[in-house]
Amino acid sequence: MKLRKIWVLPLLLALVCSVGCGGKADLLHGYEKVVSSMGSLARTSEHKLIGTRTCGSDNYTGAYAATCRQARGKDVVFGGCSLQARRLQVTGSVACQSGFVQLIVKNGSDELWLTPDANGNISQEITGSGGDWYLSVEYADFSGSVTLCSAYAK
């Protein structure tokens, strides 16, 4: 926790220095950059992922695929912190041979569980308010496959 506090002070100092005499828009843009960079720290790093992630245009979009054998753990696949609301379309599939897998979208304190249909397919539009927003996959002795795609809804 102290490490996070140590990072906050230089980031706030950089924000104040970068804004200078700019207006409200400059201040909001600088604050958005700080919040966004801190939010990306919660995503699972590439080398620790159970599956593989292909990044899209930002931290909220892209593709994820995992073929597992007795996997345990959690991948925070997409997401971050932002002042902006986002509307995303999440599609994918789950093929479970054994064990358990959960697909969870967290927006602040709200949780939405993505439930595959009878064929194992997922398709859901998600509107998240500003703040933190994360799509995670949680595995418990899971054998099978998971594919996900997150894109901005049209």
C-alpha atoms as a PDB file:
ATOM      1  CA  MET A   1       0.000   0.000   0.000  1.00  0.00           C
ATOM      2  CA  LYS A   2       2.888   2.381   0.770  1.00  0.00           C
ATOM      3  CA  LEU A   3       4.235   1.774  -2.735  1.00  0.00           C
ATOM      4  CA  ARG A   4       0.967   3.011  -4.245  1.00  0.00           C
ATOM      5  CA  LYS A   5       1.056   6.115  -2.053  1.00  0.00           C
ATOM      6  CA  ILE A   6       4.626   6.786  -3.119  1.00  0.00           C
ATOM      7  CA  TRP A   7       3.552   6.678  -6.779  1.00  0.00           C
ATOM      8  CA  VAL A   8       0.621   9.028  -6.210  1.00  0.00           C
ATOM      9  CA  LEU A   9       2.700  11.990  -5.027  1.00  0.00           C
ATOM     10  CA  PRO A  10       4.993  12.193  -8.096  1.00  0.00           C
ATOM     11  CA  LEU A  11       2.013  11.665 -10.382  1.00  0.00           C
ATOM     12  CA  LEU A  12       0.085  14.493  -8.755  1.00  0.00           C
ATOM     13  CA  LEU A  13       3.157  16.727  -8.935  1.00  0.00           C
ATOM     14  CA  ALA A  14       3.556  15.892 -12.622  1.00  0.00           C
ATOM     15  CA  LEU A  15      -0.122  16.641 -13.170  1.00  0.00           C
ATOM     16  CA  VAL A  16       0.118  20.055 -11.527  1.00  0.00           C
ATOM     17  CA  CYS A  17       3.287  20.907 -13.466  1.00  0.00           C
ATOM     18  CA  SER A  18       1.857  19.746 -16.800  1.00  0.00           C
ATOM     19  CA  VAL A  19      -1.337  21.741 -16.397  1.00  0.00           C
ATOM     20  CA  GLY A  20       0.433  25.025 -15.718  1.00  0.00           C
ATOM     21  CA  CYS A  21      -1.834  27.924 -16.548  1.00  0.00           C
ATOM     22  CA  GLY A  22      -4.099  25.822 -18.772  1.00  0.00           C
ATOM     23  CA  GLY A  23      -7.824  25.731 -18.431  1.00  0.00           C
ATOM     24  CA  LYS A  24     -10.279  23.227 -17.085  1.00  0.00           C
ATOM     25  CA  ALA A  25      -9.941  20.989 -20.160  1.00  0.00           C
ATOM     26  CA  ASP A  26      -6.182  20.709 -19.647  1.00  0.00           C
ATOM     27  CA  LEU A  27      -6.684  19.854 -15.994  1.00  0.00           C
ATOM     28  CA  LEU A  28      -9.262  17.161 -16.796  1.00  0.00           C
ATOM     29  CA  HIS A  29      -7.062  15.713 -19.539  1.00  0.00           C
ATOM     30  CA  GLY A  30      -4.094  15.548 -17.179  1.00  0.00           C
ATOM     31  CA  TYR A  31      -6.183  13.990 -14.431  1.00  0.00           C
ATOM     32  CA  GLU A  32      -7.597  11.424 -16.902  1.00  0.00           C
ATOM     33  CA  LYS A  33      -4.043  10.420 -17.871  1.00  0.00           C
ATOM     34  CA  VAL A  34      -3.044   9.912 -14.225  1.00  0.00           C
ATOM     35  CA  VAL A  35      -6.188   7.934 -13.384  1.00  0.00           C
ATOM     36  CA  SER A  36      -5.835   5.830 -16.535  1.00  0.00           C
ATOM     37  CA  SER A  37      -2.196   4.955 -15.878  1.00  0.00           C
ATOM     38  CA  MET A  38      -2.974   3.908 -12.311  1.00  0.00           C
ATOM     39  CA  GLY A  39      -5.969   1.835 -13.442  1.00  0.00           C
ATOM     40  CA  SER A  40      -3.900  -0.206 -15.861  1.00  0.00           C
ATOM     41  CA  LEU A  41      -1.854  -1.541 -12.921  1.00  0.00           C
ATOM     42  CA  ALA A  42      -4.776  -3.780 -11.876  1.00  0.00           C
ATOM     43  CA  ARG A  43      -4.748  -5.772 -15.125  1.00  0.00           C
ATOM     44  CA  THR A  44      -2.872  -9.076 -15.010  1.00  0.00           C
ATOM     45  CA  SER A  45       0.546  -8.669 -16.621  1.00  0.00           C
ATOM     46  CA  GLU A  46       1.190 -10.540 -19.871  1.00  0.00           C
ATOM     47  CA  HIS A  47       3.639 -13.042 -18.370  1.00  0.00           C
ATOM     48  CA  LYS A  48       1.258 -13.951 -15.508  1.00  0.00           C
ATOM     49  CA  LEU A  49      -1.853 -14.552 -17.639  1.00  0.00           C
ATOM     50  CA  ILE A  50      -3.325 -18.045 -17.713  1.00  0.00           C
ATOM     51  CA  GLY A  51      -4.510 -17.314 -21.263  1.00  0.00           C
ATOM     52  CA  THR A  52      -3.222 -14.954 -23.932  1.00  0.00           C
ATOM     53  CA  ARG A  53      -4.429 -11.411 -24.539  1.00  0.00           C
ATOM     54  CA  THR A  54      -4.313  -9.456 -27.779  1.00  0.00           C
ATOM     55  CA  CYS A  55      -4.754  -5.775 -27.010  1.00  0.00           C
ATOM     56  CA  GLY A  56      -7.173  -3.630 -28.969  1.00  0.00           C
ATOM     57  CA  SER A  57      -7.208   0.136 -29.351  1.00  0.00           C
ATOM     58  CA  ASP A  58      -7.008   0.646 -25.570  1.00  0.00           C
ATOM     59  CA  ASN A  59      -7.007  -1.309 -22.273  1.00  0.00           C
ATOM     60  CA  TYR A  60     -10.757  -1.967 -22.544  1.00  0.00           C
ATOM     61  CA  THR A  61     -10.772  -3.749 -25.902  1.00  0.00           C
ATOM     62  CA  GLY A  62      -9.113  -6.764 -27.456  1.00  0.00           C
ATOM     63  CA  ALA A  63      -9.247 -10.549 -27.530  1.00  0.00           C
ATOM     64  CA  TYR A  64      -8.439 -13.236 -24.969  1.00  0.00           C
ATOM     65  CA  ALA A  65      -8.087 -16.997 -25.366  1.00  0.00           C
ATOM     66  CA  ALA A  66      -7.193 -19.740 -22.914  1.00  0.00           C
ATOM     67  CA  THR A  67      -6.987 -23.495 -23.251  1.00  0.00           C
ATOM     68  CA  CYS A  68      -6.665 -24.879 -19.749  1.00  0.00           C
ATOM     69  CA  ARG A  69      -5.952 -28.066 -17.873  1.00  0.00           C
ATOM     70  CA  GLN A  70      -6.795 -27.854 -14.158  1.00  0.00           C
ATOM     71  CA  ALA A  71      -6.271 -24.068 -14.160  1.00  0.00           C
ATOM     72  CA  ARG A  72      -6.591 -22.131 -10.904  1.00  0.00           C
ATOM     73  CA  GLY A  73      -6.360 -18.389 -10.550  1.00  0.00           C
ATOM     74  CA  LYS A  74      -7.661 -15.144 -11.932  1.00  0.00           C
ATOM     75  CA  ASP A  75      -6.896 -13.164 -15.080  1.00  0.00           C
ATOM     76  CA  VAL A  76      -7.931  -9.506 -15.066  1.00  0.00           C
ATOM     77  CA  VAL A  77      -8.087  -9.330 -18.839  1.00  0.00           C
ATOM     78  CA  PHE A  78      -9.404  -5.893 -19.804  1.00  0.00           C
ATOM     79  CA  GLY A  79     -10.154  -2.654 -18.031  1.00  0.00           C
ATOM     80  CA  GLY A  80      -8.821   0.303 -16.145  1.00  0.00           C
ATOM     81  CA  CYS A  81      -9.903   3.569 -14.537  1.00  0.00           C
ATOM     82  CA  SER A  82     -11.357   6.468 -16.445  1.00  0.00           C
ATOM     83  CA  LEU A  83     -13.543   9.512 -16.062  1.00  0.00           C
ATOM     84  CA  GLN A  84     -15.441   8.450 -19.201  1.00  0.00           C
ATOM     85  CA  ALA A  85     -18.419   6.102 -19.369  1.00  0.00           C
ATOM     86  CA  ARG A  86     -17.948   3.187 -21.757  1.00  0.00           C
ATOM     87  CA  ARG A  87     -20.345   0.988 -23.739  1.00  0.00           C
ATOM     88  CA  LEU A  88     -18.756  -2.301 -24.729  1.00  0.00           C
ATOM     89  CA  GLN A  89     -19.900  -5.450 -26.516  1.00  0.00           C
ATOM     90  CA  VAL A  90     -18.398  -8.591 -24.972  1.00  0.00           C
ATOM     91  CA  THR A  91     -18.639 -11.801 -27.009  1.00  0.00           C
ATOM     92  CA  GLY A  92     -17.017 -15.186 -26.631  1.00  0.00           C
ATOM     93  CA  SER A  93     -17.443 -18.798 -25.657  1.00  0.00           C
ATOM     94  CA  VAL A  94     -16.743 -21.247 -22.856  1.00  0.00           C
ATOM     95  CA  ALA A  95     -16.201 -24.988 -23.346  1.00  0.00           C
ATOM     96  CA  CYS A  96     -15.967 -26.669 -19.949  1.00  0.00           C
ATOM     97  CA  GLN A  97     -14.676 -30.227 -19.587  1.00  0.00           C
ATOM     98  CA  SER A  98     -14.320 -30.051 -15.806  1.00  0.00           C
ATOM     99  CA  GLY A  99     -13.982 -27.563 -13.010  1.00  0.00           C
ATOM    100  CA  PHE A 100     -15.435 -24.092 -12.840  1.00  0.00           C
ATOM    101  CA  VAL A 101     -14.917 -20.746 -14.554  1.00  0.00           C
ATOM    102  CA  GLN A 102     -16.514 -17.348 -13.876  1.00  0.00           C
ATOM    103  CA  LEU A 103     -16.571 -14.319 -16.159  1.00  0.00           C
ATOM    104  CA  ILE A 104     -17.096 -11.159 -14.127  1.00  0.00           C
ATOM    105  CA  VAL A 105     -17.371  -7.491 -15.068  1.00  0.00           C
ATOM    106  CA  LYS A 106     -16.713  -5.108 -12.181  1.00  0.00           C
ATOM    107  CA  ASN A 107     -17.650  -1.441 -12.411  1.00  0.00           C
ATOM    108  CA  GLY A 108     -16.930   0.205  -9.091  1.00  0.00           C
ATOM    109  CA  SER A 109     -18.685  -1.914  -6.462  1.00  0.00           C
ATOM    110  CA  ASP A 110     -21.137  -3.409  -9.006  1.00  0.00           C
ATOM    111  CA  GLU A 111     -20.524  -6.907 -10.377  1.00  0.00           C
ATOM    112  CA  LEU A 112     -22.066  -8.423 -13.489  1.00  0.00           C
ATOM    113  CA  TRP A 113     -21.601 -12.136 -14.112  1.00  0.00           C
ATOM    114  CA  LEU A 114     -21.500 -13.103 -17.774  1.00  0.00           C
ATOM    115  CA  THR A 115     -23.370 -16.379 -18.183  1.00  0.00           C
ATOM    116  CA  PRO A 116     -22.904 -18.456 -21.349  1.00  0.00           C
ATOM    117  CA  ASP A 117     -26.018 -19.743 -23.121  1.00  0.00           C
ATOM    118  CA  ALA A 118     -26.747 -23.481 -23.540  1.00  0.00           C
ATOM    119  CA  ASN A 119     -24.175 -23.667 -26.371  1.00  0.00           C
ATOM    120  CA  GLY A 120     -21.479 -21.958 -24.302  1.00  0.00           C
ATOM    121  CA  ASN A 121     -21.698 -18.631 -26.162  1.00  0.00           C
ATOM    122  CA  ILE A 122     -21.581 -15.178 -24.591  1.00  0.00           C
ATOM    123  CA  SER A 123     -22.846 -11.939 -26.106  1.00  0.00           C
ATOM    124  CA  GLN A 124     -23.610  -9.004 -23.874  1.00  0.00           C
ATOM    125  CA  GLU A 125     -23.542  -5.238 -24.188  1.00  0.00           C
ATOM    126  CA  ILE A 126     -22.219  -3.590 -21.056  1.00  0.00           C
ATOM    127  CA  THR A 127     -22.536   0.072 -20.177  1.00  0.00           C
ATOM    128  CA  GLY A 128     -20.193   1.159 -17.440  1.00  0.00           C
ATOM    129  CA  SER A 129     -20.052   4.476 -15.698  1.00  0.00           C
ATOM    130  CA  GLY A 130     -16.757   6.234 -15.183  1.00  0.00           C
ATOM    131  CA  GLY A 131     -14.417   4.924 -12.532  1.00  0.00           C
ATOM    132  CA  ASP A 132     -12.872   1.491 -12.469  1.00  0.00           C
ATOM    133  CA  TRP A 133     -14.093  -1.163 -14.914  1.00  0.00           C
ATOM    134  CA  TYR A 134     -12.563  -4.633 -15.254  1.00  0.00           C
ATOM    135  CA  LEU A 135     -13.388  -7.880 -17.065  1.00  0.00           C
ATOM    136  CA  SER A 136     -11.895 -10.875 -15.284  1.00  0.00           C
ATOM    137  CA  VAL A 137     -11.853 -14.646 -15.719  1.00  0.00           C
ATOM    138  CA  GLU A 138     -11.644 -16.711 -12.536  1.00  0.00           C
ATOM    139  CA  TYR A 139     -10.620 -20.369 -12.765  1.00  0.00           C
ATOM    140  CA  ALA A 140     -11.130 -23.181 -10.226  1.00  0.00           C
ATOM    141  CA  ASP A 141      -9.622 -26.500 -11.375  1.00  0.00           C
ATOM    142  CA  PHE A 142     -10.898 -25.619 -14.845  1.00  0.00           C
ATOM    143  CA  SER A 143     -10.182 -27.769 -17.873  1.00  0.00           C
ATOM    144  CA  GLY A 144     -11.525 -26.463 -21.165  1.00  0.00           C
ATOM    145  CA  SER A 145     -11.341 -23.285 -23.203  1.00  0.00           C
ATOM    146  CA  VAL A 146     -12.404 -19.658 -22.910  1.00  0.00           C
ATOM    147  CA  THR A 147     -12.460 -17.053 -25.678  1.00  0.00           C
ATOM    148  CA  LEU A 148     -13.474 -13.420 -25.237  1.00  0.00           C
ATOM    149  CA  CYS A 149     -13.623 -10.336 -27.416  1.00  0.00           C
ATOM    150  CA  SER A 150     -14.300  -6.860 -26.052  1.00  0.00           C
ATOM    151  CA  ALA A 151     -15.113  -4.039 -28.483  1.00  0.00           C
ATOM    152  CA  TYR A 152     -16.890  -0.705 -28.327  1.00  0.00           C
ATOM    153  CA  ALA A 153     -20.614  -1.142 -29.020  1.00  0.00           C
ATOM    154  CA  LYS A 154     -21.937   0.521 -32.160  1.00  0.00           C
END
